[in-house]
């Protein structure tokens, strides 16, 4: 089981670094004063899920789930 633990630890480290980088690359969620008057509802605002930003949000969710699962698995006493 030692080899499996080492492999999972390496994947965990890569996931941590990747998650940090992808979170730092994302834009903030606040749109400023434009949200008061409804200016944020543009074509690009409605189709965010198809853009690069939407892809980054999906990747962040997947990497966060992987991070949590690996953290639990690596902290098991018998493993």
PDB file of N, CA and C in Angstrom:
ATOM      1  N   UNK A   1       0.811  -1.199   0.000  1.00  0.00           N
ATOM      2  CA  UNK A   1       0.000   0.000   0.000  1.00  0.00           C
ATOM      3  C   UNK A   1       0.857   1.268   0.000  1.00  0.00           C
ATOM      4  N   UNK A   2       2.132   1.153   0.225  1.00  0.00           N
ATOM      5  CA  UNK A   2       3.001   2.309   0.265  1.00  0.00           C
ATOM      6  C   UNK A   2       3.111   3.001  -1.083  1.00  0.00           C
ATOM      7  N   UNK A   3       3.151   2.205  -2.168  1.00  0.00           N
ATOM      8  CA  UNK A   3       3.265   2.773  -3.507  1.00  0.00           C
ATOM      9  C   UNK A   3       1.990   3.531  -3.873  1.00  0.00           C
ATOM     10  N   UNK A   4       0.836   2.974  -3.529  1.00  0.00           N
ATOM     11  CA  UNK A   4      -0.434   3.630  -3.816  1.00  0.00           C
ATOM     12  C   UNK A   4      -0.540   4.951  -3.060  1.00  0.00           C
ATOM     13  N   UNK A   5      -0.083   4.960  -1.830  1.00  0.00           N
ATOM     14  CA  UNK A   5      -0.111   6.189  -1.024  1.00  0.00           C
ATOM     15  C   UNK A   5       0.783   7.265  -1.634  1.00  0.00           C
ATOM     16  N   UNK A   6       1.939   6.872  -2.133  1.00  0.00           N
ATOM     17  CA  UNK A   6       2.844   7.833  -2.769  1.00  0.00           C
ATOM     18  C   UNK A   6       2.218   8.403  -4.042  1.00  0.00           C
ATOM     19  N   UNK A   7       1.602   7.541  -4.842  1.00  0.00           N
ATOM     20  CA  UNK A   7       0.954   7.994  -6.076  1.00  0.00           C
ATOM     21  C   UNK A   7      -0.187   8.953  -5.764  1.00  0.00           C
ATOM     22  N   UNK A   8      -1.017   8.623  -4.768  1.00  0.00           N
ATOM     23  CA  UNK A   8      -2.124   9.501  -4.388  1.00  0.00           C
ATOM     24  C   UNK A   8      -1.620  10.825  -3.820  1.00  0.00           C
ATOM     25  N   UNK A   9      -0.512  10.790  -3.102  1.00  0.00           N
ATOM     26  CA  UNK A   9       0.062  12.025  -2.565  1.00  0.00           C
ATOM     27  C   UNK A   9       0.563  12.928  -3.685  1.00  0.00           C
ATOM     28  N   UNK A  10       1.176  12.345  -4.699  1.00  0.00           N
ATOM     29  CA  UNK A  10       1.644  13.130  -5.847  1.00  0.00           C
ATOM     30  C   UNK A  10       0.462  13.748  -6.586  1.00  0.00           C
ATOM     31  N   UNK A  11      -0.602  12.966  -6.792  1.00  0.00           N
ATOM     32  CA  UNK A  11      -1.812  13.493  -7.439  1.00  0.00           C
ATOM     33  C   UNK A  11      -2.407  14.607  -6.593  1.00  0.00           C
ATOM     34  N   UNK A  12      -2.386  14.437  -5.270  1.00  0.00           N
ATOM     35  CA  UNK A  12      -2.916  15.445  -4.353  1.00  0.00           C
ATOM     36  C   UNK A  12      -2.125  16.754  -4.453  1.00  0.00           C
ATOM     37  N   UNK A  13      -0.825  16.670  -4.523  1.00  0.00           N
ATOM     38  CA  UNK A  13       0.017  17.861  -4.635  1.00  0.00           C
ATOM     39  C   UNK A  13      -0.239  18.575  -5.965  1.00  0.00           C
ATOM     40  N   UNK A  14      -0.323  17.814  -7.043  1.00  0.00           N
ATOM     41  CA  UNK A  14      -0.601  18.405  -8.353  1.00  0.00           C
ATOM     42  C   UNK A  14      -1.971  19.077  -8.350  1.00  0.00           C
ATOM     43  N   UNK A  15      -2.961  18.434  -7.707  1.00  0.00           N
ATOM     44  CA  UNK A  15      -4.296  19.000  -7.614  1.00  0.00           C
ATOM     45  C   UNK A  15      -4.282  20.295  -6.797  1.00  0.00           C
ATOM     46  N   UNK A  16      -3.529  20.328  -5.718  1.00  0.00           N
ATOM     47  CA  UNK A  16      -3.437  21.535  -4.888  1.00  0.00           C
ATOM     48  C   UNK A  16      -2.850  22.701  -5.681  1.00  0.00           C
ATOM     49  N   UNK A  17      -1.790  22.444  -6.397  1.00  0.00           N
ATOM     50  CA  UNK A  17      -1.150  23.497  -7.192  1.00  0.00           C
ATOM     51  C   UNK A  17      -2.081  23.961  -8.312  1.00  0.00           C
ATOM     52  N   UNK A  18      -2.696  23.014  -9.001  1.00  0.00           N
ATOM     53  CA  UNK A  18      -3.617  23.355 -10.084  1.00  0.00           C
ATOM     54  C   UNK A  18      -4.834  24.123  -9.597  1.00  0.00           C
ATOM     55  N   UNK A  19      -5.376  23.720  -8.450  1.00  0.00           N
ATOM     56  CA  UNK A  19      -6.541  24.403  -7.890  1.00  0.00           C
ATOM     57  C   UNK A  19      -6.184  25.836  -7.502  1.00  0.00           C
ATOM     58  N   UNK A  20      -5.022  26.026  -6.928  1.00  0.00           N
ATOM     59  CA  UNK A  20      -4.576  27.375  -6.562  1.00  0.00           C
ATOM     60  C   UNK A  20      -4.439  28.250  -7.798  1.00  0.00           C
ATOM     61  N   UNK A  21      -3.832  27.725  -8.839  1.00  0.00           N
ATOM     62  CA  UNK A  21      -3.614  28.504 -10.061  1.00  0.00           C
ATOM     63  C   UNK A  21      -4.939  28.859 -10.727  1.00  0.00           C
ATOM     64  N   UNK A  22      -5.849  27.902 -10.827  1.00  0.00           N
ATOM     65  CA  UNK A  22      -7.101  28.165 -11.539  1.00  0.00           C
ATOM     66  C   UNK A  22      -7.999  29.126 -10.755  1.00  0.00           C
ATOM     67  N   UNK A  23      -7.930  29.103  -9.431  1.00  0.00           N
ATOM     68  CA  UNK A  23      -8.709  30.058  -8.646  1.00  0.00           C
ATOM     69  C   UNK A  23      -8.142  31.469  -8.819  1.00  0.00           C
ATOM     70  N   UNK A  24      -6.834  31.582  -8.866  1.00  0.00           N
ATOM     71  CA  UNK A  24      -6.227  32.899  -9.052  1.00  0.00           C
ATOM     72  C   UNK A  24      -6.465  33.465 -10.448  1.00  0.00           C
ATOM     73  N   UNK A  25      -6.673  32.627 -11.437  1.00  0.00           N
ATOM     74  CA  UNK A  25      -6.911  33.096 -12.800  1.00  0.00           C
ATOM     75  C   UNK A  25      -8.339  33.581 -13.029  1.00  0.00           C
ATOM     76  N   UNK A  26      -9.264  33.201 -12.165  1.00  0.00           N
ATOM     77  CA  UNK A  26     -10.664  33.556 -12.372  1.00  0.00           C
ATOM     78  C   UNK A  26     -10.919  35.011 -12.019  1.00  0.00           C
ATOM     79  N   UNK A  27     -11.919  35.571 -12.696  1.00  0.00           N
ATOM     80  CA  UNK A  27     -12.332  36.943 -12.400  1.00  0.00           C
ATOM     81  C   UNK A  27     -13.241  36.959 -11.181  1.00  0.00           C
ATOM     82  N   UNK A  28     -13.371  38.140 -10.585  1.00  0.00           N
ATOM     83  CA  UNK A  28     -14.263  38.307  -9.450  1.00  0.00           C
ATOM     84  C   UNK A  28     -15.716  38.199  -9.866  1.00  0.00           C
ATOM     85  N   UNK A  29     -16.573  37.866  -8.938  1.00  0.00           N
ATOM     86  CA  UNK A  29     -17.991  37.710  -9.240  1.00  0.00           C
ATOM     87  C   UNK A  29     -18.744  39.027  -9.208  1.00  0.00           C
ATOM     88  N   UNK A  30     -18.196  40.056  -8.604  1.00  0.00           N
ATOM     89  CA  UNK A  30     -18.903  41.326  -8.521  1.00  0.00           C
ATOM     90  C   UNK A  30     -18.752  42.083  -9.833  1.00  0.00           C
ATOM     91  N   UNK A  31     -19.843  42.627 -10.303  1.00  0.00           N
ATOM     92  CA  UNK A  31     -19.829  43.357 -11.563  1.00  0.00           C
ATOM     93  C   UNK A  31     -19.880  44.865 -11.331  1.00  0.00           C
ATOM     94  N   UNK A  32     -19.786  45.306 -10.090  1.00  0.00           N
ATOM     95  CA  UNK A  32     -19.788  46.732  -9.794  1.00  0.00           C
ATOM     96  C   UNK A  32     -21.189  47.310  -9.807  1.00  0.00           C
ATOM     97  N   UNK A  33     -21.277  48.589 -10.144  1.00  0.00           N
ATOM     98  CA  UNK A  33     -22.566  49.282 -10.136  1.00  0.00           C
ATOM     99  C   UNK A  33     -23.461  48.904 -11.304  1.00  0.00           C
ATOM    100  N   UNK A  34     -22.925  48.196 -12.280  1.00  0.00           N
ATOM    101  CA  UNK A  34     -23.719  47.791 -13.434  1.00  0.00           C
ATOM    102  C   UNK A  34     -24.813  46.811 -13.078  1.00  0.00           C
ATOM    103  N   UNK A  35     -24.679  46.103 -11.982  1.00  0.00           N
ATOM    104  CA  UNK A  35     -25.706  45.132 -11.591  1.00  0.00           C
ATOM    105  C   UNK A  35     -26.953  45.804 -11.048  1.00  0.00           C
ATOM    106  N   UNK A  36     -26.824  47.037 -10.586  1.00  0.00           N
ATOM    107  CA  UNK A  36     -27.993  47.734 -10.036  1.00  0.00           C
ATOM    108  C   UNK A  36     -29.010  48.028 -11.134  1.00  0.00           C
ATOM    109  N   UNK A  37     -28.533  48.529 -12.255  1.00  0.00           N
ATOM    110  CA  UNK A  37     -29.439  48.877 -13.339  1.00  0.00           C
ATOM    111  C   UNK A  37     -29.719  47.745 -14.297  1.00  0.00           C
ATOM    112  N   UNK A  38     -29.184  46.572 -14.058  1.00  0.00           N
ATOM    113  CA  UNK A  38     -29.412  45.441 -14.938  1.00  0.00           C
ATOM    114  C   UNK A  38     -28.480  45.395 -16.120  1.00  0.00           C
ATOM    115  N   UNK A  39     -27.406  46.159 -16.070  1.00  0.00           N
ATOM    116  CA  UNK A  39     -26.471  46.199 -17.194  1.00  0.00           C
ATOM    117  C   UNK A  39     -25.658  44.921 -17.321  1.00  0.00           C
ATOM    118  N   UNK A  40     -25.679  44.102 -16.305  1.00  0.00           N
ATOM    119  CA  UNK A  40     -24.896  42.868 -16.343  1.00  0.00           C
ATOM    120  C   UNK A  40     -25.553  41.804 -17.213  1.00  0.00           C
ATOM    121  N   UNK A  41     -26.813  41.962 -17.532  1.00  0.00           N
ATOM    122  CA  UNK A  41     -27.516  40.983 -18.347  1.00  0.00           C
ATOM    123  C   UNK A  41     -27.279  41.259 -19.824  1.00  0.00           C
ATOM    124  N   UNK A  42     -26.120  40.994 -20.280  1.00  0.00           N
ATOM    125  CA  UNK A  42     -25.795  41.145 -21.687  1.00  0.00           C
ATOM    126  C   UNK A  42     -25.714  39.758 -22.308  1.00  0.00           C
ATOM    127  N   UNK A  43     -25.408  39.725 -23.572  1.00  0.00           N
ATOM    128  CA  UNK A  43     -25.260  38.434 -24.253  1.00  0.00           C
ATOM    129  C   UNK A  43     -24.174  37.601 -23.591  1.00  0.00           C
ATOM    130  N   UNK A  44     -23.057  38.231 -23.268  1.00  0.00           N
ATOM    131  CA  UNK A  44     -21.944  37.493 -22.670  1.00  0.00           C
ATOM    132  C   UNK A  44     -22.285  37.053 -21.250  1.00  0.00           C
ATOM    133  N   UNK A  45     -23.099  37.833 -20.553  1.00  0.00           N
ATOM    134  CA  UNK A  45     -23.498  37.448 -19.202  1.00  0.00           C
ATOM    135  C   UNK A  45     -24.414  36.233 -19.204  1.00  0.00           C
ATOM    136  N   UNK A  46     -25.274  36.134 -20.232  1.00  0.00           N
ATOM    137  CA  UNK A  46     -26.197  35.007 -20.306  1.00  0.00           C
ATOM    138  C   UNK A  46     -25.507  33.724 -20.756  1.00  0.00           C
ATOM    139  N   UNK A  47     -24.447  33.831 -21.540  1.00  0.00           N
ATOM    140  CA  UNK A  47     -23.767  32.660 -22.084  1.00  0.00           C
ATOM    141  C   UNK A  47     -22.414  32.406 -21.422  1.00  0.00           C
ATOM    142  N   UNK A  48     -22.321  32.711 -20.139  1.00  0.00           N
ATOM    143  CA  UNK A  48     -21.051  32.528 -19.442  1.00  0.00           C
ATOM    144  C   UNK A  48     -20.628  31.074 -19.363  1.00  0.00           C
ATOM    145  N   UNK A  49     -21.591  30.178 -19.282  1.00  0.00           N
ATOM    146  CA  UNK A  49     -21.240  28.767 -19.116  1.00  0.00           C
ATOM    147  C   UNK A  49     -20.547  28.201 -20.350  1.00  0.00           C
ATOM    148  N   UNK A  50     -20.718  28.839 -21.503  1.00  0.00           N
ATOM    149  CA  UNK A  50     -20.079  28.358 -22.726  1.00  0.00           C
ATOM    150  C   UNK A  50     -18.719  29.009 -22.960  1.00  0.00           C
ATOM    151  N   UNK A  51     -18.394  29.998 -22.159  1.00  0.00           N
ATOM    152  CA  UNK A  51     -17.144  30.716 -22.360  1.00  0.00           C
ATOM    153  C   UNK A  51     -16.009  30.050 -21.581  1.00  0.00           C
ATOM    154  N   UNK A  52     -14.842  30.655 -21.666  1.00  0.00           N
ATOM    155  CA  UNK A  52     -13.673  30.161 -20.942  1.00  0.00           C
ATOM    156  C   UNK A  52     -13.897  30.264 -19.430  1.00  0.00           C
ATOM    157  N   UNK A  53     -14.592  31.309 -19.014  1.00  0.00           N
ATOM    158  CA  UNK A  53     -14.861  31.474 -17.591  1.00  0.00           C
ATOM    159  C   UNK A  53     -15.754  30.350 -17.061  1.00  0.00           C
ATOM    160  N   UNK A  54     -16.737  29.957 -17.854  1.00  0.00           N
ATOM    161  CA  UNK A  54     -17.604  28.850 -17.457  1.00  0.00           C
ATOM    162  C   UNK A  54     -16.844  27.543 -17.362  1.00  0.00           C
ATOM    163  N   UNK A  55     -15.924  27.343 -18.283  1.00  0.00           N
ATOM    164  CA  UNK A  55     -15.089  26.139 -18.238  1.00  0.00           C
ATOM    165  C   UNK A  55     -14.198  26.145 -17.001  1.00  0.00           C
ATOM    166  N   UNK A  56     -13.690  27.318 -16.657  1.00  0.00           N
ATOM    167  CA  UNK A  56     -12.834  27.408 -15.473  1.00  0.00           C
ATOM    168  C   UNK A  56     -13.621  27.124 -14.191  1.00  0.00           C
ATOM    169  N   UNK A  57     -14.876  27.535 -14.156  1.00  0.00           N
ATOM    170  CA  UNK A  57     -15.722  27.255 -12.992  1.00  0.00           C
ATOM    171  C   UNK A  57     -15.952  25.749 -12.867  1.00  0.00           C
ATOM    172  N   UNK A  58     -16.228  25.092 -13.997  1.00  0.00           N
ATOM    173  CA  UNK A  58     -16.429  23.630 -13.958  1.00  0.00           C
ATOM    174  C   UNK A  58     -15.158  22.915 -13.531  1.00  0.00           C
ATOM    175  N   UNK A  59     -14.015  23.336 -14.056  1.00  0.00           N
ATOM    176  CA  UNK A  59     -12.741  22.713 -13.686  1.00  0.00           C
ATOM    177  C   UNK A  59     -12.452  22.927 -12.210  1.00  0.00           C
ATOM    178  N   UNK A  60     -12.786  24.115 -11.702  1.00  0.00           N
ATOM    179  CA  UNK A  60     -12.580  24.396 -10.278  1.00  0.00           C
ATOM    180  C   UNK A  60     -13.415  23.463  -9.420  1.00  0.00           C
ATOM    181  N   UNK A  61     -14.659  23.248  -9.807  1.00  0.00           N
ATOM    182  CA  UNK A  61     -15.521  22.350  -9.025  1.00  0.00           C
ATOM    183  C   UNK A  61     -14.968  20.921  -9.024  1.00  0.00           C
ATOM    184  N   UNK A  62     -14.543  20.451 -10.179  1.00  0.00           N
ATOM    185  CA  UNK A  62     -14.011  19.089 -10.274  1.00  0.00           C
ATOM    186  C   UNK A  62     -12.746  18.949  -9.437  1.00  0.00           C
ATOM    187  N   UNK A  63     -11.863  19.941  -9.543  1.00  0.00           N
ATOM    188  CA  UNK A  63     -10.609  19.873  -8.791  1.00  0.00           C
ATOM    189  C   UNK A  63     -10.849  19.993  -7.287  1.00  0.00           C
ATOM    190  N   UNK A  64     -11.853  20.770  -6.878  1.00  0.00           N
ATOM    191  CA  UNK A  64     -12.172  20.895  -5.453  1.00  0.00           C
ATOM    192  C   UNK A  64     -12.727  19.581  -4.907  1.00  0.00           C
ATOM    193  N   UNK A  65     -13.570  18.921  -5.689  1.00  0.00           N
ATOM    194  CA  UNK A  65     -14.099  17.620  -5.253  1.00  0.00           C
ATOM    195  C   UNK A  65     -12.972  16.597  -5.153  1.00  0.00           C
ATOM    196  N   UNK A  66     -12.085  16.582  -6.151  1.00  0.00           N
ATOM    197  CA  UNK A  66     -10.930  15.684  -6.114  1.00  0.00           C
ATOM    198  C   UNK A  66     -10.049  15.970  -4.899  1.00  0.00           C
ATOM    199  N   UNK A  67      -9.866  17.252  -4.588  1.00  0.00           N
ATOM    200  CA  UNK A  67      -9.074  17.655  -3.422  1.00  0.00           C
ATOM    201  C   UNK A  67      -9.680  17.085  -2.137  1.00  0.00           C
ATOM    202  N   UNK A  68     -10.992  17.231  -1.972  1.00  0.00           N
ATOM    203  CA  UNK A  68     -11.641  16.747  -0.753  1.00  0.00           C
ATOM    204  C   UNK A  68     -11.583  15.228  -0.645  1.00  0.00           C
ATOM    205  N   UNK A  69     -11.829  14.540  -1.757  1.00  0.00           N
ATOM    206  CA  UNK A  69     -11.802  13.076  -1.736  1.00  0.00           C
ATOM    207  C   UNK A  69     -10.392  12.572  -1.411  1.00  0.00           C
ATOM    208  N   UNK A  70      -9.384  13.143  -2.060  1.00  0.00           N
ATOM    209  CA  UNK A  70      -8.009  12.716  -1.791  1.00  0.00           C
ATOM    210  C   UNK A  70      -7.589  13.040  -0.362  1.00  0.00           C
ATOM    211  N   UNK A  71      -8.038  14.174   0.167  1.00  0.00           N
ATOM    212  CA  UNK A  71      -7.704  14.528   1.541  1.00  0.00           C
ATOM    213  C   UNK A  71      -8.274  13.511   2.522  1.00  0.00           C
ATOM    214  N   UNK A  72      -9.503  13.069   2.277  1.00  0.00           N
ATOM    215  CA  UNK A  72     -10.120  12.070   3.158  1.00  0.00           C
ATOM    216  C   UNK A  72      -9.415  10.725   3.021  1.00  0.00           C
ATOM    217  N   UNK A  73      -9.144  10.321   1.785  1.00  0.00           N
ATOM    218  CA  UNK A  73      -8.502   9.023   1.552  1.00  0.00           C
ATOM    219  C   UNK A  73      -7.096   8.983   2.145  1.00  0.00           C
ATOM    220  N   UNK A  74      -6.353  10.050   1.985  1.00  0.00           N
ATOM    221  CA  UNK A  74      -4.975  10.063   2.498  1.00  0.00           C
ATOM    222  C   UNK A  74      -4.907  10.140   4.008  1.00  0.00           C
ATOM    223  N   UNK A  75      -5.984  10.578   4.660  1.00  0.00           N
ATOM    224  CA  UNK A  75      -5.992  10.662   6.118  1.00  0.00           C
ATOM    225  C   UNK A  75      -6.596   9.445   6.796  1.00  0.00           C
ATOM    226  N   UNK A  76      -6.915   8.421   6.039  1.00  0.00           N
ATOM    227  CA  UNK A  76      -7.416   7.196   6.641  1.00  0.00           C
ATOM    228  C   UNK A  76      -6.263   6.489   7.362  1.00  0.00           C
ATOM    229  N   UNK A  77      -6.532   5.963   8.516  1.00  0.00           N
ATOM    230  CA  UNK A  77      -5.484   5.355   9.333  1.00  0.00           C
ATOM    231  C   UNK A  77      -4.952   4.045   8.742  1.00  0.00           C
ATOM    232  N   UNK A  78      -5.799   3.224   8.163  1.00  0.00           N
ATOM    233  CA  UNK A  78      -5.377   1.904   7.655  1.00  0.00           C
ATOM    234  C   UNK A  78      -4.728   1.984   6.292  1.00  0.00           C
ATOM    235  N   UNK A  79      -4.839   3.102   5.647  1.00  0.00           N
ATOM    236  CA  UNK A  79      -4.349   3.203   4.275  1.00  0.00           C
ATOM    237  C   UNK A  79      -2.860   3.417   4.250  1.00  0.00           C
TER     238      UNK A  79
END
